[in-house]
Amino acid sequence: MATVVQLDKVRLLQTEIDYIKSDRIKKACCEMVKLLPDYFFEIPASSTGKFHPEYAGGEGGLLRHTKAAVRIAFELLSNPLIGDKYKSDEKDLMIMGLILHDGLKLGIDKEKYTRFDHPLLMKDYIKTNSDKLGLEATEIDFLGDVIKTHMGVWTTDYNGNEVLEKPKTKYQSFVHMCDYLASRKCIILPFDKNNEISA
């Protein structure tokens, strides 16, 4: 009988989770990471490779894209000129939002193609599991708000239907910016064999 290996999902995102300063928000993030589908840790960031740098392709590509977006956020928020515009818990929640933003890219049960509404699926998934997180209702809403708009100006699906909202707040714009920068082919982050950023 074959042994089923359990993914240690939290360990795979430990570096990013540790950027969160609040123990309460860090614990909530760990709980949500445990609830991410296994495929999140295995698939490329995009099936075609058209919209992401080379490191985001192949096995673990979506995980590396997520790590890149979070690292960009951490670096920007560490700069007082940028970071001082946000309270500590707001920074933590934006980092948590970036860790989770593409968590249901292929749906809750793995589908063949990217779900265009995956930001809304993730927002609802957090709300559905909010009783496990120990966060205030305003914090759950904050997370949903920054995740649901992370696609920025790309708000229409493949049939031209308006599905998503554009960012309106500084929090939504920041999360979108970090995701956008992590998808640019001209910004290359060095990853080691363990999918960790090595610089």
N, C-alpha and C. Protein backbone atom coordinates (compact mmCIF):
# COMPACT_ATOMS: atom_id res chain seq x y z
N MET A 1 0.84 -1.19 0.00
CA MET A 1 0.00 0.00 0.00
C MET A 1 0.88 1.25 0.00
N ALA A 2 0.60 2.21 -0.89
CA ALA A 2 1.42 3.41 -1.02
C ALA A 2 1.19 4.35 0.16
N THR A 3 2.27 5.00 0.60
CA THR A 3 2.17 5.96 1.69
C THR A 3 1.81 7.33 1.13
N VAL A 4 0.82 7.96 1.73
CA VAL A 4 0.42 9.31 1.31
C VAL A 4 1.25 10.30 2.11
N VAL A 5 2.00 11.15 1.40
CA VAL A 5 2.83 12.16 2.07
C VAL A 5 1.99 13.41 2.27
N GLN A 6 1.89 13.85 3.53
CA GLN A 6 1.14 15.06 3.86
C GLN A 6 2.01 16.29 3.61
N LEU A 7 1.51 17.22 2.83
CA LEU A 7 2.24 18.47 2.56
C LEU A 7 2.30 19.32 3.82
N ASP A 8 3.48 19.81 4.17
CA ASP A 8 3.61 20.75 5.28
C ASP A 8 3.48 22.15 4.69
N LYS A 9 2.25 22.57 4.49
CA LYS A 9 1.96 23.81 3.77
C LYS A 9 2.53 25.03 4.48
N VAL A 10 2.40 25.06 5.80
CA VAL A 10 2.91 26.20 6.56
C VAL A 10 4.42 26.32 6.40
N ARG A 11 5.12 25.21 6.46
CA ARG A 11 6.59 25.25 6.32
C ARG A 11 6.99 25.81 4.96
N LEU A 12 6.23 25.47 3.92
CA LEU A 12 6.56 25.94 2.58
C LEU A 12 6.41 27.46 2.42
N LEU A 13 5.63 28.07 3.32
CA LEU A 13 5.43 29.53 3.28
C LEU A 13 5.90 30.21 4.58
N GLN A 14 6.74 29.50 5.34
CA GLN A 14 7.15 30.01 6.66
C GLN A 14 7.87 31.35 6.57
N THR A 15 8.77 31.50 5.60
CA THR A 15 9.51 32.76 5.46
C THR A 15 8.54 33.92 5.30
N GLU A 16 7.53 33.74 4.46
CA GLU A 16 6.57 34.80 4.18
C GLU A 16 5.65 35.05 5.39
N ILE A 17 5.24 33.98 6.04
CA ILE A 17 4.39 34.13 7.23
C ILE A 17 5.14 34.88 8.33
N ASP A 18 6.45 34.66 8.42
CA ASP A 18 7.26 35.30 9.46
C ASP A 18 7.45 36.80 9.23
N TYR A 19 7.09 37.31 8.07
CA TYR A 19 7.09 38.77 7.87
C TYR A 19 5.96 39.44 8.66
N ILE A 20 4.97 38.66 9.05
CA ILE A 20 3.83 39.17 9.82
C ILE A 20 4.27 39.35 11.27
N LYS A 21 4.06 40.54 11.83
CA LYS A 21 4.54 40.83 13.18
C LYS A 21 3.55 40.40 14.27
N SER A 22 2.27 40.58 14.01
CA SER A 22 1.26 40.23 15.00
C SER A 22 1.10 38.72 15.11
N ASP A 23 1.27 38.20 16.33
CA ASP A 23 1.11 36.74 16.54
C ASP A 23 -0.31 36.29 16.19
N ARG A 24 -1.28 37.14 16.47
CA ARG A 24 -2.68 36.81 16.20
C ARG A 24 -2.93 36.69 14.70
N ILE A 25 -2.42 37.64 13.92
CA ILE A 25 -2.61 37.60 12.46
C ILE A 25 -1.76 36.48 11.85
N LYS A 26 -0.59 36.27 12.41
CA LYS A 26 0.28 35.17 11.93
C LYS A 26 -0.41 33.82 12.11
N LYS A 27 -1.04 33.64 13.28
CA LYS A 27 -1.77 32.38 13.56
C LYS A 27 -2.92 32.21 12.56
N ALA A 28 -3.66 33.30 12.30
CA ALA A 28 -4.77 33.24 11.35
C ALA A 28 -4.27 32.88 9.95
N CYS A 29 -3.13 33.45 9.57
CA CYS A 29 -2.56 33.16 8.25
C CYS A 29 -2.18 31.68 8.15
N CYS A 30 -1.58 31.15 9.20
CA CYS A 30 -1.22 29.72 9.22
C CYS A 30 -2.45 28.85 9.03
N GLU A 31 -3.55 29.21 9.69
CA GLU A 31 -4.79 28.43 9.57
C GLU A 31 -5.30 28.44 8.13
N MET A 32 -5.26 29.61 7.48
CA MET A 32 -5.74 29.69 6.10
C MET A 32 -4.80 28.96 5.13
N VAL A 33 -3.50 29.05 5.37
CA VAL A 33 -2.53 28.34 4.51
C VAL A 33 -2.78 26.84 4.57
N LYS A 34 -3.09 26.32 5.75
CA LYS A 34 -3.40 24.89 5.89
C LYS A 34 -4.62 24.49 5.07
N LEU A 35 -5.52 25.45 4.84
CA LEU A 35 -6.76 25.17 4.10
C LEU A 35 -6.61 25.34 2.59
N LEU A 36 -5.43 25.79 2.13
CA LEU A 36 -5.22 25.93 0.69
C LEU A 36 -5.18 24.54 0.04
N PRO A 37 -5.70 24.41 -1.17
CA PRO A 37 -5.64 23.11 -1.86
C PRO A 37 -4.19 22.74 -2.18
N ASP A 38 -3.89 21.45 -2.19
CA ASP A 38 -2.53 20.98 -2.46
C ASP A 38 -1.99 21.51 -3.79
N TYR A 39 -2.88 21.63 -4.78
CA TYR A 39 -2.40 22.02 -6.11
C TYR A 39 -1.71 23.39 -6.10
N PHE A 40 -2.09 24.26 -5.15
CA PHE A 40 -1.49 25.60 -5.08
C PHE A 40 0.03 25.51 -4.99
N PHE A 41 0.54 24.49 -4.33
CA PHE A 41 1.97 24.34 -4.11
C PHE A 41 2.68 23.63 -5.26
N GLU A 42 1.92 23.22 -6.26
CA GLU A 42 2.48 22.38 -7.33
C GLU A 42 2.41 23.02 -8.72
N ILE A 43 1.38 23.82 -8.99
CA ILE A 43 1.16 24.29 -10.37
C ILE A 43 2.01 25.51 -10.71
N PRO A 44 2.21 25.77 -12.03
CA PRO A 44 2.86 27.02 -12.44
C PRO A 44 1.94 28.21 -12.20
N ALA A 45 2.50 29.41 -12.20
CA ALA A 45 1.69 30.62 -12.00
C ALA A 45 0.70 30.81 -13.15
N SER A 46 1.10 30.42 -14.36
CA SER A 46 0.16 30.44 -15.49
C SER A 46 0.48 29.28 -16.41
N SER A 47 -0.53 28.77 -17.08
CA SER A 47 -0.33 27.60 -17.93
C SER A 47 0.50 27.91 -19.17
N THR A 48 0.41 29.16 -19.65
CA THR A 48 1.13 29.51 -20.88
C THR A 48 2.51 30.10 -20.61
N GLY A 49 2.70 30.67 -19.42
CA GLY A 49 3.96 31.34 -19.12
C GLY A 49 4.02 32.74 -19.72
N LYS A 50 2.94 33.13 -20.36
CA LYS A 50 2.88 34.40 -21.09
C LYS A 50 2.93 35.62 -20.17
N PHE A 51 2.36 35.48 -18.98
CA PHE A 51 2.19 36.65 -18.13
C PHE A 51 3.06 36.66 -16.87
N HIS A 52 4.06 35.79 -16.81
CA HIS A 52 4.90 35.73 -15.62
C HIS A 52 6.36 35.47 -16.00
N PRO A 53 7.30 35.83 -15.12
CA PRO A 53 8.71 35.54 -15.40
C PRO A 53 8.99 34.03 -15.38
N GLU A 54 10.14 33.66 -15.90
CA GLU A 54 10.47 32.24 -16.05
C GLU A 54 10.44 31.46 -14.75
N TYR A 55 10.87 32.10 -13.66
CA TYR A 55 10.91 31.38 -12.37
C TYR A 55 9.52 30.97 -11.89
N ALA A 56 8.46 31.62 -12.42
CA ALA A 56 7.10 31.31 -12.00
C ALA A 56 6.47 30.18 -12.84
N GLY A 57 7.26 29.59 -13.72
CA GLY A 57 6.77 28.47 -14.53
C GLY A 57 7.09 27.14 -13.87
N GLY A 58 6.58 26.08 -14.45
CA GLY A 58 6.90 24.73 -13.98
C GLY A 58 6.33 24.42 -12.60
N GLU A 59 6.74 23.28 -12.07
CA GLU A 59 6.24 22.84 -10.77
C GLU A 59 6.63 23.83 -9.69
N GLY A 60 5.67 24.24 -8.89
CA GLY A 60 5.92 25.20 -7.80
C GLY A 60 5.96 26.65 -8.26
N GLY A 61 5.62 26.90 -9.51
CA GLY A 61 5.69 28.26 -10.05
C GLY A 61 4.76 29.24 -9.36
N LEU A 62 3.54 28.80 -9.03
CA LEU A 62 2.59 29.68 -8.35
C LEU A 62 3.08 30.01 -6.93
N LEU A 63 3.68 29.02 -6.28
CA LEU A 63 4.26 29.25 -4.96
C LEU A 63 5.38 30.29 -5.05
N ARG A 64 6.25 30.17 -6.07
CA ARG A 64 7.35 31.14 -6.23
C ARG A 64 6.81 32.53 -6.56
N HIS A 65 5.78 32.59 -7.40
CA HIS A 65 5.15 33.89 -7.71
C HIS A 65 4.63 34.54 -6.42
N THR A 66 3.98 33.75 -5.58
CA THR A 66 3.44 34.25 -4.32
C THR A 66 4.55 34.76 -3.42
N LYS A 67 5.63 33.98 -3.33
CA LYS A 67 6.77 34.40 -2.52
C LYS A 67 7.37 35.70 -3.04
N ALA A 68 7.42 35.84 -4.36
CA ALA A 68 7.95 37.06 -4.97
C ALA A 68 7.08 38.26 -4.61
N ALA A 69 5.77 38.12 -4.73
CA ALA A 69 4.85 39.22 -4.42
C ALA A 69 4.97 39.64 -2.96
N VAL A 70 5.10 38.65 -2.07
CA VAL A 70 5.22 38.95 -0.64
C VAL A 70 6.56 39.62 -0.35
N ARG A 71 7.63 39.14 -0.98
CA ARG A 71 8.96 39.74 -0.75
C ARG A 71 8.99 41.19 -1.24
N ILE A 72 8.36 41.46 -2.38
CA ILE A 72 8.28 42.83 -2.89
C ILE A 72 7.53 43.70 -1.87
N ALA A 73 6.42 43.20 -1.33
CA ALA A 73 5.66 43.94 -0.32
C ALA A 73 6.52 44.22 0.90
N PHE A 74 7.24 43.20 1.37
CA PHE A 74 8.09 43.34 2.56
C PHE A 74 9.15 44.42 2.34
N GLU A 75 9.80 44.38 1.17
CA GLU A 75 10.85 45.36 0.87
C GLU A 75 10.27 46.77 0.81
N LEU A 76 9.13 46.93 0.16
CA LEU A 76 8.50 48.25 0.05
C LEU A 76 8.05 48.76 1.42
N LEU A 77 7.43 47.89 2.20
CA LEU A 77 6.92 48.31 3.51
C LEU A 77 8.04 48.57 4.51
N SER A 78 9.24 48.04 4.25
CA SER A 78 10.40 48.29 5.11
C SER A 78 10.99 49.68 4.87
N ASN A 79 10.60 50.31 3.76
CA ASN A 79 11.04 51.66 3.45
C ASN A 79 10.10 52.63 4.16
N PRO A 80 10.62 53.44 5.11
CA PRO A 80 9.73 54.33 5.88
C PRO A 80 8.88 55.26 5.02
N LEU A 81 9.41 55.67 3.87
CA LEU A 81 8.66 56.57 2.99
C LEU A 81 7.36 55.93 2.52
N ILE A 82 7.37 54.60 2.39
CA ILE A 82 6.17 53.85 1.97
C ILE A 82 5.48 53.24 3.18
N GLY A 83 6.24 52.53 3.98
CA GLY A 83 5.67 51.76 5.08
C GLY A 83 5.00 52.59 6.16
N ASP A 84 5.49 53.81 6.38
CA ASP A 84 4.92 54.63 7.45
C ASP A 84 3.51 55.12 7.14
N LYS A 85 3.04 54.88 5.92
CA LYS A 85 1.66 55.26 5.56
C LYS A 85 0.64 54.24 6.08
N TYR A 86 1.15 53.12 6.62
CA TYR A 86 0.27 52.04 7.06
C TYR A 86 0.54 51.70 8.52
N LYS A 87 -0.52 51.32 9.23
CA LYS A 87 -0.36 50.82 10.60
C LYS A 87 0.21 49.40 10.54
N SER A 88 0.78 48.95 11.64
CA SER A 88 1.42 47.63 11.68
C SER A 88 0.46 46.50 11.29
N ASP A 89 -0.76 46.52 11.85
CA ASP A 89 -1.72 45.45 11.52
C ASP A 89 -2.16 45.52 10.06
N GLU A 90 -2.22 46.72 9.50
CA GLU A 90 -2.56 46.86 8.08
C GLU A 90 -1.49 46.23 7.21
N LYS A 91 -0.24 46.45 7.56
CA LYS A 91 0.87 45.82 6.82
C LYS A 91 0.75 44.30 6.90
N ASP A 92 0.49 43.81 8.12
CA ASP A 92 0.36 42.36 8.32
C ASP A 92 -0.77 41.78 7.48
N LEU A 93 -1.90 42.46 7.46
CA LEU A 93 -3.06 41.96 6.71
C LEU A 93 -2.81 42.02 5.20
N MET A 94 -2.08 43.03 4.73
CA MET A 94 -1.75 43.08 3.31
C MET A 94 -0.80 41.94 2.94
N ILE A 95 0.15 41.64 3.81
CA ILE A 95 1.05 40.50 3.56
C ILE A 95 0.26 39.20 3.57
N MET A 96 -0.63 39.04 4.52
CA MET A 96 -1.49 37.85 4.56
C MET A 96 -2.32 37.76 3.29
N GLY A 97 -2.85 38.89 2.85
CA GLY A 97 -3.63 38.91 1.61
C GLY A 97 -2.82 38.47 0.41
N LEU A 98 -1.56 38.89 0.36
CA LEU A 98 -0.69 38.48 -0.76
C LEU A 98 -0.33 37.00 -0.68
N ILE A 99 -0.16 36.48 0.52
CA ILE A 99 0.12 35.05 0.68
C ILE A 99 -1.05 34.23 0.13
N LEU A 100 -2.26 34.75 0.31
CA LEU A 100 -3.47 33.99 -0.04
C LEU A 100 -4.09 34.37 -1.39
N HIS A 101 -3.61 35.45 -2.03
CA HIS A 101 -4.36 36.05 -3.13
C HIS A 101 -4.68 35.09 -4.28
N ASP A 102 -3.77 34.19 -4.61
CA ASP A 102 -3.99 33.22 -5.70
C ASP A 102 -4.29 31.82 -5.18
N GLY A 103 -4.68 31.73 -3.92
CA GLY A 103 -4.84 30.43 -3.27
C GLY A 103 -5.84 29.49 -3.93
N LEU A 104 -6.83 30.04 -4.62
CA LEU A 104 -7.84 29.21 -5.30
C LEU A 104 -7.83 29.48 -6.80
N LYS A 105 -6.65 29.60 -7.36
CA LYS A 105 -6.53 29.98 -8.77
C LYS A 105 -7.26 29.02 -9.71
N LEU A 106 -7.27 27.75 -9.37
CA LEU A 106 -7.99 26.75 -10.18
C LEU A 106 -9.29 26.29 -9.50
N GLY A 107 -9.79 27.10 -8.58
CA GLY A 107 -11.03 26.75 -7.87
C GLY A 107 -10.74 26.00 -6.58
N ILE A 108 -11.78 25.70 -5.84
CA ILE A 108 -11.61 24.96 -4.58
C ILE A 108 -11.20 23.52 -4.89
N ASP A 109 -11.92 22.89 -5.80
CA ASP A 109 -11.50 21.58 -6.31
C ASP A 109 -10.81 21.87 -7.64
N LYS A 110 -9.62 21.37 -7.80
CA LYS A 110 -8.77 21.70 -8.95
C LYS A 110 -9.50 21.54 -10.28
N GLU A 111 -9.61 22.65 -11.00
CA GLU A 111 -10.18 22.64 -12.34
C GLU A 111 -9.05 22.72 -13.36
N LYS A 112 -9.37 22.58 -14.62
CA LYS A 112 -8.34 22.53 -15.66
C LYS A 112 -7.71 23.89 -15.93
N TYR A 113 -8.52 24.94 -15.86
CA TYR A 113 -8.04 26.28 -16.22
C TYR A 113 -8.21 27.26 -15.06
N THR A 114 -7.47 28.36 -15.13
CA THR A 114 -7.59 29.43 -14.14
C THR A 114 -9.03 29.92 -14.06
N ARG A 115 -9.51 30.05 -12.85
CA ARG A 115 -10.83 30.64 -12.63
C ARG A 115 -10.65 32.15 -12.62
N PHE A 116 -11.29 32.84 -13.56
CA PHE A 116 -11.13 34.28 -13.62
C PHE A 116 -11.63 34.94 -12.33
N ASP A 117 -12.63 34.30 -11.70
CA ASP A 117 -13.19 34.86 -10.47
C ASP A 117 -12.45 34.37 -9.22
N HIS A 118 -11.21 33.86 -9.40
CA HIS A 118 -10.50 33.31 -8.23
C HIS A 118 -10.30 34.33 -7.10
N PRO A 119 -10.18 35.64 -7.37
CA PRO A 119 -10.11 36.58 -6.24
C PRO A 119 -11.38 36.56 -5.38
N LEU A 120 -12.53 36.42 -6.03
CA LEU A 120 -13.79 36.38 -5.30
C LEU A 120 -13.96 35.06 -4.55
N LEU A 121 -13.50 33.98 -5.18
CA LEU A 121 -13.54 32.67 -4.51
C LEU A 121 -12.73 32.70 -3.22
N MET A 122 -11.53 33.32 -3.29
CA MET A 122 -10.66 33.37 -2.12
C MET A 122 -11.26 34.25 -1.04
N LYS A 123 -11.82 35.37 -1.44
CA LYS A 123 -12.48 36.27 -0.49
C LYS A 123 -13.58 35.51 0.27
N ASP A 124 -14.41 34.77 -0.48
CA ASP A 124 -15.51 34.02 0.14
C ASP A 124 -15.00 32.86 1.00
N TYR A 125 -13.89 32.25 0.58
CA TYR A 125 -13.30 31.12 1.31
C TYR A 125 -12.80 31.59 2.68
N ILE A 126 -12.21 32.77 2.72
CA ILE A 126 -11.75 33.33 4.00
C ILE A 126 -12.95 33.60 4.89
N LYS A 127 -14.00 34.19 4.31
CA LYS A 127 -15.21 34.51 5.09
C LYS A 127 -15.86 33.23 5.63
N THR A 128 -15.92 32.19 4.79
CA THR A 128 -16.50 30.91 5.19
C THR A 128 -15.74 30.29 6.37
N ASN A 129 -14.43 30.49 6.39
CA ASN A 129 -13.59 29.90 7.44
C ASN A 129 -13.21 30.89 8.53
N SER A 130 -13.89 32.02 8.58
CA SER A 130 -13.51 33.08 9.52
C SER A 130 -13.59 32.64 10.98
N ASP A 131 -14.48 31.69 11.29
CA ASP A 131 -14.60 31.22 12.68
C ASP A 131 -13.35 30.50 13.17
N LYS A 132 -12.48 30.07 12.25
CA LYS A 132 -11.25 29.37 12.64
C LYS A 132 -10.08 30.34 12.83
N LEU A 133 -10.27 31.61 12.48
CA LEU A 133 -9.13 32.52 12.34
C LEU A 133 -8.88 33.44 13.53
N GLY A 134 -9.91 33.72 14.32
CA GLY A 134 -9.71 34.61 15.47
C GLY A 134 -9.45 36.06 15.07
N LEU A 135 -9.90 36.44 13.89
CA LEU A 135 -9.76 37.83 13.45
C LEU A 135 -11.09 38.56 13.64
N GLU A 136 -11.01 39.89 13.75
CA GLU A 136 -12.22 40.70 13.86
C GLU A 136 -12.91 40.75 12.50
N ALA A 137 -14.20 41.04 12.51
CA ALA A 137 -14.98 41.11 11.26
C ALA A 137 -14.39 42.15 10.32
N THR A 138 -13.90 43.27 10.87
CA THR A 138 -13.31 44.32 10.02
C THR A 138 -12.03 43.82 9.35
N GLU A 139 -11.30 42.94 10.01
CA GLU A 139 -10.06 42.40 9.44
C GLU A 139 -10.36 41.37 8.35
N ILE A 140 -11.41 40.59 8.55
CA ILE A 140 -11.86 39.65 7.51
C ILE A 140 -12.28 40.44 6.27
N ASP A 141 -13.00 41.53 6.48
CA ASP A 141 -13.43 42.38 5.37
C ASP A 141 -12.22 43.01 4.67
N PHE A 142 -11.25 43.46 5.45
CA PHE A 142 -10.03 44.06 4.90
C PHE A 142 -9.33 43.05 3.98
N LEU A 143 -9.16 41.84 4.46
CA LEU A 143 -8.53 40.78 3.64
C LEU A 143 -9.29 40.56 2.35
N GLY A 144 -10.61 40.42 2.47
CA GLY A 144 -11.44 40.22 1.29
C GLY A 144 -11.30 41.36 0.30
N ASP A 145 -11.25 42.58 0.83
CA ASP A 145 -11.15 43.77 -0.03
C ASP A 145 -9.85 43.81 -0.83
N VAL A 146 -8.72 43.47 -0.18
CA VAL A 146 -7.45 43.56 -0.90
C VAL A 146 -7.25 42.38 -1.86
N ILE A 147 -7.88 41.25 -1.55
CA ILE A 147 -7.76 40.08 -2.42
C ILE A 147 -8.67 40.22 -3.64
N LYS A 148 -9.89 40.70 -3.44
CA LYS A 148 -10.87 40.72 -4.53
C LYS A 148 -10.47 41.66 -5.67
N THR A 149 -9.57 42.63 -5.39
CA THR A 149 -9.17 43.61 -6.41
C THR A 149 -7.72 43.43 -6.87
N HIS A 150 -7.10 42.30 -6.51
CA HIS A 150 -5.66 42.18 -6.81
C HIS A 150 -5.35 42.11 -8.30
N MET A 151 -6.35 41.88 -9.13
CA MET A 151 -6.13 41.83 -10.58
C MET A 151 -6.02 43.22 -11.21
N GLY A 152 -6.26 44.26 -10.44
CA GLY A 152 -6.09 45.62 -10.94
C GLY A 152 -7.06 45.97 -12.05
N VAL A 153 -6.51 46.37 -13.20
CA VAL A 153 -7.37 46.80 -14.32
C VAL A 153 -7.96 45.63 -15.10
N TRP A 154 -7.51 44.41 -14.83
CA TRP A 154 -8.01 43.23 -15.56
C TRP A 154 -9.25 42.71 -14.85
N THR A 155 -10.38 43.27 -15.21
CA THR A 155 -11.63 43.00 -14.48
C THR A 155 -12.67 42.25 -15.31
N THR A 156 -12.41 42.07 -16.62
CA THR A 156 -13.40 41.39 -17.47
C THR A 156 -12.93 39.98 -17.79
N ASP A 157 -13.87 39.05 -17.80
CA ASP A 157 -13.52 37.65 -18.09
C ASP A 157 -13.34 37.44 -19.60
N TYR A 158 -13.13 36.19 -19.97
CA TYR A 158 -12.82 35.84 -21.37
C TYR A 158 -13.96 36.15 -22.33
N ASN A 159 -15.16 36.34 -21.77
CA ASN A 159 -16.33 36.68 -22.61
C ASN A 159 -16.66 38.17 -22.58
N GLY A 160 -15.79 38.96 -21.93
CA GLY A 160 -16.01 40.40 -21.86
C GLY A 160 -16.95 40.84 -20.76
N ASN A 161 -17.29 39.92 -19.86
CA ASN A 161 -18.17 40.28 -18.74
C ASN A 161 -17.37 40.92 -17.61
N GLU A 162 -17.87 42.00 -17.04
CA GLU A 162 -17.22 42.67 -15.91
C GLU A 162 -17.46 41.82 -14.67
N VAL A 163 -16.40 41.18 -14.17
CA VAL A 163 -16.53 40.24 -13.06
C VAL A 163 -15.90 40.80 -11.78
N LEU A 164 -14.79 41.50 -11.93
CA LEU A 164 -14.02 41.96 -10.78
C LEU A 164 -14.07 43.49 -10.66
N GLU A 165 -13.74 43.96 -9.46
CA GLU A 165 -13.64 45.41 -9.23
C GLU A 165 -12.20 45.86 -9.37
N LYS A 166 -12.01 47.13 -9.74
CA LYS A 166 -10.68 47.73 -9.74
C LYS A 166 -10.34 48.21 -8.33
N PRO A 167 -9.06 48.28 -8.00
CA PRO A 167 -8.68 48.80 -6.68
C PRO A 167 -9.14 50.26 -6.51
N LYS A 168 -9.59 50.58 -5.30
CA LYS A 168 -10.00 51.95 -5.00
C LYS A 168 -9.21 52.52 -3.82
N THR A 169 -8.89 51.70 -2.84
CA THR A 169 -8.20 52.19 -1.65
C THR A 169 -6.68 52.03 -1.80
N LYS A 170 -5.94 52.69 -0.93
CA LYS A 170 -4.47 52.57 -0.96
C LYS A 170 -4.03 51.14 -0.63
N TYR A 171 -4.81 50.43 0.15
CA TYR A 171 -4.49 49.04 0.52
C TYR A 171 -4.66 48.12 -0.70
N GLN A 172 -5.79 48.28 -1.38
CA GLN A 172 -6.05 47.49 -2.59
C GLN A 172 -4.99 47.78 -3.66
N SER A 173 -4.66 49.05 -3.83
CA SER A 173 -3.66 49.43 -4.84
C SER A 173 -2.29 48.86 -4.51
N PHE A 174 -1.93 48.85 -3.23
CA PHE A 174 -0.63 48.31 -2.83
C PHE A 174 -0.54 46.82 -3.12
N VAL A 175 -1.57 46.08 -2.74
CA VAL A 175 -1.57 44.62 -2.97
C VAL A 175 -1.52 44.33 -4.47
N HIS A 176 -2.31 45.05 -5.25
CA HIS A 176 -2.26 44.87 -6.70
C HIS A 176 -0.87 45.18 -7.24
N MET A 177 -0.26 46.27 -6.79
CA MET A 177 1.06 46.66 -7.27
C MET A 177 2.09 45.55 -7.01
N CYS A 178 2.06 44.96 -5.83
CA CYS A 178 3.03 43.91 -5.50
C CYS A 178 2.81 42.67 -6.37
N ASP A 179 1.55 42.30 -6.58
CA ASP A 179 1.23 41.17 -7.46
C ASP A 179 1.66 41.48 -8.89
N TYR A 180 1.39 42.70 -9.34
CA TYR A 180 1.75 43.12 -10.69
C TYR A 180 3.26 43.08 -10.90
N LEU A 181 4.02 43.63 -9.96
CA LEU A 181 5.48 43.63 -10.08
C LEU A 181 6.04 42.21 -10.08
N ALA A 182 5.42 41.34 -9.30
CA ALA A 182 5.87 39.93 -9.26
C ALA A 182 5.58 39.20 -10.56
N SER A 183 4.71 39.77 -11.40
CA SER A 183 4.39 39.13 -12.68
C SER A 183 5.19 39.69 -13.86
N ARG A 184 6.03 40.70 -13.59
CA ARG A 184 6.80 41.34 -14.67
C ARG A 184 8.03 40.51 -15.02
N LYS A 185 8.19 40.25 -16.31
CA LYS A 185 9.32 39.43 -16.76
C LYS A 185 10.67 40.11 -16.58
N CYS A 186 10.67 41.44 -16.45
CA CYS A 186 11.94 42.16 -16.29
C CYS A 186 12.42 42.19 -14.84
N ILE A 187 11.60 41.73 -13.90
CA ILE A 187 12.00 41.69 -12.49
C ILE A 187 12.26 40.24 -12.11
N ILE A 188 13.52 39.90 -11.99
CA ILE A 188 13.91 38.50 -11.76
C ILE A 188 14.40 38.34 -10.32
N LEU A 189 13.76 37.49 -9.57
CA LEU A 189 14.21 37.18 -8.21
C LEU A 189 14.94 35.85 -8.21
N PRO A 190 16.03 35.76 -7.45
CA PRO A 190 16.81 34.52 -7.42
C PRO A 190 16.23 33.49 -6.44
N PHE A 191 15.79 32.36 -6.95
CA PHE A 191 15.26 31.28 -6.11
C PHE A 191 16.26 30.14 -6.02
N ASP A 192 16.38 29.54 -4.82
CA ASP A 192 17.24 28.36 -4.68
C ASP A 192 16.42 27.10 -4.92
N LYS A 193 17.05 25.95 -4.75
CA LYS A 193 16.37 24.67 -5.05
C LYS A 193 15.23 24.37 -4.08
N ASN A 194 15.17 25.09 -2.96
CA ASN A 194 14.08 24.90 -1.99
C ASN A 194 12.96 25.90 -2.16
N ASN A 195 12.94 26.59 -3.31
CA ASN A 195 11.92 27.60 -3.59
C ASN A 195 11.98 28.78 -2.62
N GLU A 196 13.17 29.07 -2.12
CA GLU A 196 13.34 30.25 -1.26
C GLU A 196 14.11 31.30 -2.05
N ILE A 197 13.78 32.56 -1.82
CA ILE A 197 14.51 33.66 -2.46
C ILE A 197 15.87 33.76 -1.79
N SER A 198 16.91 33.67 -2.60
CA SER A 198 18.27 33.50 -2.06
C SER A 198 19.04 34.80 -1.91
N ALA A 199 18.39 35.92 -1.95
CA ALA A 199 19.10 37.21 -1.75
C ALA A 199 18.25 38.13 -0.90
